[in-house]
Amino acid sequence: MKSKRAEKYIEEHRDKHPYPSGDFSAGAAFEAVELAEEEMAETACRLFEQFMSGVFQGDTPKKIAQEFKQKLME
């Protein structure tokens, strides 16, 4: 699994759900997806900021990356 946070969440909650088949509740699955999306956005923003650091100076790359993350999470 690409998302370490989602994988950790699933491992921690594997035995805390009511389904004997090993399935997760919709709420648990939703939470795992949210964690994966958040991790993806943080990774994308970090890479975006690194890329923009070669073009802009000062706090500009960080500000642009924060705006980028905000748009990703909408």
Protein backbone atom coordinates (compact mmCIF):
# COMPACT_ATOMS: atom_id res chain seq x y z
CA MET A 1 0.00 0.00 0.00
CA LYS A 2 1.39 3.40 -0.93
CA SER A 3 -0.08 5.27 2.05
CA LYS A 4 1.73 4.35 5.23
CA ARG A 5 -0.84 6.23 7.34
CA ALA A 6 -3.77 4.36 5.79
CA GLU A 7 -1.94 1.05 6.16
CA LYS A 8 -1.24 1.79 9.84
CA TYR A 9 -4.87 2.78 10.43
CA ILE A 10 -6.13 -0.43 8.81
CA GLU A 11 -3.73 -2.57 10.85
CA GLU A 12 -4.75 -0.83 14.09
CA HIS A 13 -8.48 -1.19 13.35
CA ARG A 14 -8.48 -4.64 11.78
CA ASP A 15 -9.89 -6.27 14.93
CA LYS A 16 -12.11 -3.38 16.00
CA HIS A 17 -14.97 -3.81 13.56
CA PRO A 18 -18.10 -5.95 13.73
CA TYR A 19 -17.64 -7.90 10.49
CA PRO A 20 -16.24 -11.42 10.90
CA SER A 21 -15.40 -11.64 7.19
CA GLY A 22 -12.58 -9.14 7.66
CA ASP A 23 -14.45 -6.36 5.87
CA PHE A 24 -14.37 -2.85 7.24
CA SER A 25 -17.30 -0.64 7.98
CA ALA A 26 -17.92 2.22 5.58
CA GLY A 27 -16.73 4.65 8.26
CA ALA A 28 -13.42 2.83 8.76
CA ALA A 29 -12.85 2.61 5.01
CA PHE A 30 -13.66 6.31 4.63
CA GLU A 31 -11.17 7.20 7.36
CA ALA A 32 -8.43 5.13 5.67
CA VAL A 33 -9.11 6.88 2.35
CA GLU A 34 -9.03 10.30 4.04
CA LEU A 35 -5.62 9.48 5.54
CA ALA A 36 -4.32 8.31 2.16
CA GLU A 37 -5.57 11.50 0.46
CA GLU A 38 -3.99 13.68 3.12
CA GLU A 39 -0.67 11.88 2.77
CA MET A 40 -0.81 12.22 -1.02
CA ALA A 41 -1.52 15.95 -0.78
CA GLU A 42 1.37 16.49 1.65
CA THR A 43 3.75 14.58 -0.62
CA ALA A 44 2.58 16.47 -3.71
CA CYS A 45 2.96 19.81 -1.92
CA ARG A 46 6.43 18.96 -0.65
CA LEU A 47 7.54 18.04 -4.18
CA PHE A 48 5.82 21.10 -5.62
CA GLU A 49 7.60 23.33 -3.09
CA GLN A 50 10.96 21.75 -3.94
CA PHE A 51 10.31 22.31 -7.64
CA MET A 52 9.24 25.92 -7.10
CA SER A 53 12.30 26.61 -4.92
CA GLY A 54 14.38 26.43 -8.08
CA VAL A 55 12.25 29.15 -9.67
CA PHE A 56 11.28 31.47 -6.79
CA GLN A 57 13.14 32.75 -3.73
CA GLY A 58 12.13 33.39 -0.10
CA ASP A 59 8.78 32.22 1.27
CA THR A 60 7.08 32.27 -2.13
CA PRO A 61 7.50 28.52 -2.86
CA LYS A 62 6.09 27.61 0.56
CA LYS A 63 3.11 29.93 0.12
CA ILE A 64 2.40 28.59 -3.36
CA ALA A 65 2.65 25.01 -2.06
CA GLN A 66 0.21 25.77 0.78
CA GLU A 67 -2.30 27.22 -1.69
CA PHE A 68 -1.78 24.17 -3.91
CA LYS A 69 -2.52 21.83 -0.98
CA GLN A 70 -5.63 23.80 -0.05
CA LYS A 71 -6.94 23.46 -3.60
CA LEU A 72 -6.13 19.73 -3.64
CA MET A 73 -8.06 19.15 -0.43
CA GLU A 74 -11.21 21.02 -1.56
